[in-house]
Amino acid sequence: MTRRRASARLFVMALAGLLVATEARAEPAPAALREKSLVLSWSRTFTALSGNASSQLTSVAMLLTANVYVSPQGRVSSSFQQVNNFEDSAVHDGNAFLHWRFANRVLVSDQAFVRGGRRIIVSFDDGFDTCSLDVNYFTEGGAGPIIVRARNNGDVEETNNVISSTSCSVQQGNILVNPQ
């Protein structure tokens, strides 16, 4: 096993351990947030180096949206959309890779990549009527570029990540059933 793969596996295991530890401390969804939806969006720019034969540097601009619903039972479901200039835009079942948990009036999702990951943090006011969004892309210890598995281009190295235009809103009802 290469050192790079060993490092990536170690990171994924550490992130999984963090998720398990955090899950143990996770709180149930607050009653005030049940049967409500969140619309989260942010813009992201980065430089991508594809792992395919051409290995070209590409400047990527991306708009990402996560629609999140908290059920009457407190379960969290989501869908995820990304629109960009690098590969075909896509809508994903966010439940496949966005693993949500509550703690201290905050909703958090962590997603591991081949190397590095993404953390989405949604903070709420006392009544859960408004929210703010913080999104971070990272690598373990800041070492090396983020590496993601792209649908059409194999592994892609990402550098120079800039997050901007974050937006968060709370609304009544299930946005996953009745999109606005």
C-alpha atoms as a PDB file:
ATOM      1  CA  MET A   1       0.000   0.000   0.000  1.00  0.00           C
ATOM      2  CA  THR A   2       1.372   3.389  -0.908  1.00  0.00           C
ATOM      3  CA  ARG A   3       2.018   5.965   1.754  1.00  0.00           C
ATOM      4  CA  ARG A   4      -0.633   8.188   0.172  1.00  0.00           C
ATOM      5  CA  ARG A   5      -3.310   5.487   0.417  1.00  0.00           C
ATOM      6  CA  ALA A   6      -2.282   4.625   3.971  1.00  0.00           C
ATOM      7  CA  SER A   7      -2.592   8.288   4.919  1.00  0.00           C
ATOM      8  CA  ALA A   8      -6.002   8.537   3.241  1.00  0.00           C
ATOM      9  CA  ARG A   9      -7.240   5.390   5.011  1.00  0.00           C
ATOM     10  CA  LEU A  10      -5.954   6.666   8.344  1.00  0.00           C
ATOM     11  CA  PHE A  11      -7.813   9.943   7.806  1.00  0.00           C
ATOM     12  CA  VAL A  12     -11.048   8.170   6.869  1.00  0.00           C
ATOM     13  CA  MET A  13     -10.761   5.946   9.958  1.00  0.00           C
ATOM     14  CA  ALA A  14     -10.094   9.003  12.149  1.00  0.00           C
ATOM     15  CA  LEU A  15     -13.079  10.836  10.632  1.00  0.00           C
ATOM     16  CA  ALA A  16     -15.249   7.752  11.145  1.00  0.00           C
ATOM     17  CA  GLY A  17     -14.107   7.637  14.784  1.00  0.00           C
ATOM     18  CA  LEU A  18     -14.971  11.310  15.156  1.00  0.00           C
ATOM     19  CA  LEU A  19     -18.397  10.679  13.661  1.00  0.00           C
ATOM     20  CA  VAL A  20     -19.046   7.741  16.001  1.00  0.00           C
ATOM     21  CA  ALA A  21     -17.878   9.733  19.029  1.00  0.00           C
ATOM     22  CA  THR A  22     -20.000  12.696  17.996  1.00  0.00           C
ATOM     23  CA  GLU A  23     -23.006  10.471  17.274  1.00  0.00           C
ATOM     24  CA  ALA A  24     -22.799   9.218  20.855  1.00  0.00           C
ATOM     25  CA  ARG A  25     -23.089  12.838  22.061  1.00  0.00           C
ATOM     26  CA  ALA A  26     -25.652  13.818  19.425  1.00  0.00           C
ATOM     27  CA  GLU A  27     -28.898  15.244  20.720  1.00  0.00           C
ATOM     28  CA  PRO A  28     -32.373  14.546  19.372  1.00  0.00           C
ATOM     29  CA  ALA A  29     -33.772  17.078  16.921  1.00  0.00           C
ATOM     30  CA  PRO A  30     -35.359  19.946  18.870  1.00  0.00           C
ATOM     31  CA  ALA A  31     -39.170  19.986  18.829  1.00  0.00           C
ATOM     32  CA  ALA A  32     -39.128  23.568  17.470  1.00  0.00           C
ATOM     33  CA  LEU A  33     -37.307  22.367  14.324  1.00  0.00           C
ATOM     34  CA  ARG A  34     -39.458  19.328  13.575  1.00  0.00           C
ATOM     35  CA  GLU A  35     -41.596  19.464  10.445  1.00  0.00           C
ATOM     36  CA  LYS A  36     -39.421  22.275   9.105  1.00  0.00           C
ATOM     37  CA  SER A  37     -37.057  22.472   6.170  1.00  0.00           C
ATOM     38  CA  LEU A  38     -33.726  24.187   5.663  1.00  0.00           C
ATOM     39  CA  VAL A  39     -32.426  25.544   2.389  1.00  0.00           C
ATOM     40  CA  LEU A  40     -28.623  25.786   2.475  1.00  0.00           C
ATOM     41  CA  SER A  41     -26.538  27.171  -0.367  1.00  0.00           C
ATOM     42  CA  TRP A  42     -22.993  28.321  -0.969  1.00  0.00           C
ATOM     43  CA  SER A  43     -20.607  29.143  -3.776  1.00  0.00           C
ATOM     44  CA  ARG A  44     -17.237  27.484  -4.033  1.00  0.00           C
ATOM     45  CA  THR A  45     -14.274  28.113  -6.284  1.00  0.00           C
ATOM     46  CA  PHE A  46     -11.139  25.985  -6.463  1.00  0.00           C
ATOM     47  CA  THR A  47      -8.410  24.789  -8.772  1.00  0.00           C
ATOM     48  CA  ALA A  48      -8.772  21.172  -9.927  1.00  0.00           C
ATOM     49  CA  LEU A  49      -6.137  18.829 -11.301  1.00  0.00           C
ATOM     50  CA  SER A  50      -7.824  15.813 -12.830  1.00  0.00           C
ATOM     51  CA  GLY A  51      -6.238  12.392 -12.450  1.00  0.00           C
ATOM     52  CA  ASN A  52      -6.984  11.418 -16.031  1.00  0.00           C
ATOM     53  CA  ALA A  53      -4.423  11.251 -18.841  1.00  0.00           C
ATOM     54  CA  SER A  54      -4.612  14.992 -19.631  1.00  0.00           C
ATOM     55  CA  SER A  55      -4.015  16.089 -16.001  1.00  0.00           C
ATOM     56  CA  GLN A  56      -5.020  19.664 -16.737  1.00  0.00           C
ATOM     57  CA  LEU A  57      -5.452  22.419 -14.177  1.00  0.00           C
ATOM     58  CA  THR A  58      -8.986  23.780 -14.316  1.00  0.00           C
ATOM     59  CA  SER A  59     -10.559  26.676 -12.471  1.00  0.00           C
ATOM     60  CA  VAL A  60     -13.885  25.458 -11.098  1.00  0.00           C
ATOM     61  CA  ALA A  61     -16.836  27.586  -9.980  1.00  0.00           C
ATOM     62  CA  MET A  62     -19.600  25.721  -8.207  1.00  0.00           C
ATOM     63  CA  LEU A  63     -22.996  26.521  -6.676  1.00  0.00           C
ATOM     64  CA  LEU A  64     -24.093  23.956  -4.072  1.00  0.00           C
ATOM     65  CA  THR A  65     -27.519  23.574  -2.472  1.00  0.00           C
ATOM     66  CA  ALA A  66     -28.662  21.212   0.274  1.00  0.00           C
ATOM     67  CA  ASN A  67     -32.354  20.868   1.062  1.00  0.00           C
ATOM     68  CA  VAL A  68     -32.845  19.409   4.543  1.00  0.00           C
ATOM     69  CA  TYR A  69     -36.038  18.221   6.236  1.00  0.00           C
ATOM     70  CA  VAL A  70     -36.553  17.334   9.902  1.00  0.00           C
ATOM     71  CA  SER A  71     -39.444  14.872  10.278  1.00  0.00           C
ATOM     72  CA  PRO A  72     -42.030  14.886  13.091  1.00  0.00           C
ATOM     73  CA  GLN A  73     -39.978  12.064  14.654  1.00  0.00           C
ATOM     74  CA  GLY A  74     -36.777  14.145  14.458  1.00  0.00           C
ATOM     75  CA  ARG A  75     -35.129  12.240  11.587  1.00  0.00           C
ATOM     76  CA  VAL A  76     -33.125  14.340   9.132  1.00  0.00           C
ATOM     77  CA  SER A  77     -33.333  13.755   5.360  1.00  0.00           C
ATOM     78  CA  SER A  78     -31.700  15.761   2.602  1.00  0.00           C
ATOM     79  CA  SER A  79     -31.066  16.207  -1.086  1.00  0.00           C
ATOM     80  CA  PHE A  80     -27.966  17.806  -2.538  1.00  0.00           C
ATOM     81  CA  GLN A  81     -27.388  19.614  -5.828  1.00  0.00           C
ATOM     82  CA  GLN A  82     -24.229  20.949  -7.415  1.00  0.00           C
ATOM     83  CA  VAL A  83     -23.982  23.066 -10.544  1.00  0.00           C
ATOM     84  CA  ASN A  84     -20.509  23.703 -11.930  1.00  0.00           C
ATOM     85  CA  ASN A  85     -18.364  24.220 -14.988  1.00  0.00           C
ATOM     86  CA  PHE A  86     -16.239  21.071 -14.478  1.00  0.00           C
ATOM     87  CA  GLU A  87     -18.594  18.146 -14.952  1.00  0.00           C
ATOM     88  CA  ASP A  88     -22.304  17.617 -15.493  1.00  0.00           C
ATOM     89  CA  SER A  89     -24.478  19.100 -12.775  1.00  0.00           C
ATOM     90  CA  ALA A  90     -26.201  16.586 -10.548  1.00  0.00           C
ATOM     91  CA  VAL A  91     -28.835  16.151  -7.860  1.00  0.00           C
ATOM     92  CA  HIS A  92     -27.959  13.553  -5.224  1.00  0.00           C
ATOM     93  CA  ASP A  93     -29.787  11.798  -2.444  1.00  0.00           C
ATOM     94  CA  GLY A  94     -28.014  13.649   0.348  1.00  0.00           C
ATOM     95  CA  ASN A  95     -28.767  10.794   2.751  1.00  0.00           C
ATOM     96  CA  ALA A  96     -26.117   8.717   0.973  1.00  0.00           C
ATOM     97  CA  PHE A  97     -23.239  10.930   2.110  1.00  0.00           C
ATOM     98  CA  LEU A  98     -24.520  13.812   4.244  1.00  0.00           C
ATOM     99  CA  HIS A  99     -24.758  12.362   7.750  1.00  0.00           C
ATOM    100  CA  TRP A 100     -26.539  14.914   9.938  1.00  0.00           C
ATOM    101  CA  ARG A 101     -26.476  15.209  13.740  1.00  0.00           C
ATOM    102  CA  PHE A 102     -27.599  17.796  16.313  1.00  0.00           C
ATOM    103  CA  ALA A 103     -25.592  19.188  19.223  1.00  0.00           C
ATOM    104  CA  ASN A 104     -26.060  22.455  21.169  1.00  0.00           C
ATOM    105  CA  ARG A 105     -28.485  24.215  18.742  1.00  0.00           C
ATOM    106  CA  VAL A 106     -26.225  23.238  15.836  1.00  0.00           C
ATOM    107  CA  LEU A 107     -26.846  20.809  12.974  1.00  0.00           C
ATOM    108  CA  VAL A 108     -23.632  19.316  11.545  1.00  0.00           C
ATOM    109  CA  SER A 109     -22.791  17.089   8.591  1.00  0.00           C
ATOM    110  CA  ASP A 110     -19.360  15.637   7.846  1.00  0.00           C
ATOM    111  CA  GLN A 111     -18.426  14.010   4.564  1.00  0.00           C
ATOM    112  CA  ALA A 112     -15.135  12.205   3.971  1.00  0.00           C
ATOM    113  CA  PHE A 113     -13.442  12.443   0.572  1.00  0.00           C
ATOM    114  CA  VAL A 114     -10.616  10.289  -0.793  1.00  0.00           C
ATOM    115  CA  ARG A 115      -8.382  12.768   1.057  1.00  0.00           C
ATOM    116  CA  GLY A 116      -9.890  15.433   3.259  1.00  0.00           C
ATOM    117  CA  GLY A 117     -13.533  16.209   3.736  1.00  0.00           C
ATOM    118  CA  ARG A 118     -16.351  18.714   4.055  1.00  0.00           C
ATOM    119  CA  ARG A 119     -18.097  19.920   7.197  1.00  0.00           C
ATOM    120  CA  ILE A 120     -21.431  21.757   6.997  1.00  0.00           C
ATOM    121  CA  ILE A 121     -22.432  23.605  10.182  1.00  0.00           C
ATOM    122  CA  VAL A 122     -25.894  25.138  10.598  1.00  0.00           C
ATOM    123  CA  SER A 123     -26.378  27.319  13.696  1.00  0.00           C
ATOM    124  CA  PHE A 124     -29.820  28.400  14.896  1.00  0.00           C
ATOM    125  CA  ASP A 125     -31.319  31.217  16.968  1.00  0.00           C
ATOM    126  CA  ASP A 126     -33.075  30.286  20.223  1.00  0.00           C
ATOM    127  CA  GLY A 127     -36.450  29.700  18.513  1.00  0.00           C
ATOM    128  CA  PHE A 128     -35.041  27.814  15.485  1.00  0.00           C
ATOM    129  CA  ASP A 129     -36.624  30.449  13.229  1.00  0.00           C
ATOM    130  CA  THR A 130     -33.405  31.639  11.578  1.00  0.00           C
ATOM    131  CA  CYS A 131     -30.087  30.008  10.819  1.00  0.00           C
ATOM    132  CA  SER A 132     -26.565  30.703   9.627  1.00  0.00           C
ATOM    133  CA  LEU A 133     -24.301  28.475   7.562  1.00  0.00           C
ATOM    134  CA  ASP A 134     -20.591  27.718   7.781  1.00  0.00           C
ATOM    135  CA  VAL A 135     -18.969  25.314   5.276  1.00  0.00           C
ATOM    136  CA  ASN A 136     -15.385  24.074   5.508  1.00  0.00           C
ATOM    137  CA  TYR A 137     -13.329  21.915   3.163  1.00  0.00           C
ATOM    138  CA  PHE A 138     -10.207  20.480   4.767  1.00  0.00           C
ATOM    139  CA  THR A 139      -7.408  17.936   4.764  1.00  0.00           C
ATOM    140  CA  GLU A 140      -5.924  16.199   7.761  1.00  0.00           C
ATOM    141  CA  GLY A 141      -3.494  18.642   9.307  1.00  0.00           C
ATOM    142  CA  GLY A 142      -3.768  20.811   6.187  1.00  0.00           C
ATOM    143  CA  ALA A 143      -1.434  18.380   4.390  1.00  0.00           C
ATOM    144  CA  GLY A 144      -1.687  18.283   0.615  1.00  0.00           C
ATOM    145  CA  PRO A 145      -4.639  18.967  -1.645  1.00  0.00           C
ATOM    146  CA  ILE A 146      -8.141  17.653  -1.124  1.00  0.00           C
ATOM    147  CA  ILE A 147      -8.804  14.624  -3.334  1.00  0.00           C
ATOM    148  CA  VAL A 148     -12.359  13.782  -4.402  1.00  0.00           C
ATOM    149  CA  ARG A 149     -13.750  11.057  -6.623  1.00  0.00           C
ATOM    150  CA  ALA A 150     -15.387  12.824  -9.560  1.00  0.00           C
ATOM    151  CA  ARG A 151     -18.136  11.077 -11.494  1.00  0.00           C
ATOM    152  CA  ASN A 152     -16.513  11.489 -14.909  1.00  0.00           C
ATOM    153  CA  ASN A 153     -12.848  12.224 -14.275  1.00  0.00           C
ATOM    154  CA  GLY A 154     -11.468   9.736 -11.726  1.00  0.00           C
ATOM    155  CA  ASP A 155      -9.770  11.296  -8.710  1.00  0.00           C
ATOM    156  CA  VAL A 156      -9.452  15.083  -8.735  1.00  0.00           C
ATOM    157  CA  GLU A 157      -7.020  17.123  -6.614  1.00  0.00           C
ATOM    158  CA  GLU A 158      -8.468  20.393  -5.332  1.00  0.00           C
ATOM    159  CA  THR A 159      -6.513  23.402  -4.112  1.00  0.00           C
ATOM    160  CA  ASN A 160      -7.255  27.081  -3.434  1.00  0.00           C
ATOM    161  CA  ASN A 161     -10.754  26.463  -2.030  1.00  0.00           C
ATOM    162  CA  VAL A 162     -12.767  29.622  -1.447  1.00  0.00           C
ATOM    163  CA  ILE A 163     -16.282  29.497   0.029  1.00  0.00           C
ATOM    164  CA  SER A 164     -18.575  32.505  -0.432  1.00  0.00           C
ATOM    165  CA  SER A 165     -22.206  33.574  -0.586  1.00  0.00           C
ATOM    166  CA  THR A 166     -23.431  31.220   2.140  1.00  0.00           C
ATOM    167  CA  SER A 167     -27.170  31.282   2.703  1.00  0.00           C
ATOM    168  CA  CYS A 168     -29.467  29.517   5.159  1.00  0.00           C
ATOM    169  CA  SER A 169     -33.222  29.723   5.591  1.00  0.00           C
ATOM    170  CA  VAL A 170     -35.825  27.898   7.680  1.00  0.00           C
ATOM    171  CA  GLN A 171     -39.311  27.224   6.340  1.00  0.00           C
ATOM    172  CA  GLN A 172     -42.385  25.209   7.319  1.00  0.00           C
ATOM    173  CA  GLY A 173     -43.131  21.877   5.659  1.00  0.00           C
ATOM    174  CA  ASN A 174     -41.193  19.253   3.768  1.00  0.00           C
ATOM    175  CA  ILE A 175     -39.139  20.772   0.952  1.00  0.00           C
ATOM    176  CA  LEU A 176     -38.162  17.300  -0.252  1.00  0.00           C
ATOM    177  CA  VAL A 177     -41.811  16.524  -1.107  1.00  0.00           C
ATOM    178  CA  ASN A 178     -42.887  20.039  -2.107  1.00  0.00           C
ATOM    179  CA  PRO A 179     -39.877  21.821  -3.657  1.00  0.00           C
ATOM    180  CA  GLN A 180     -40.246  25.587  -3.862  1.00  0.00           C
END
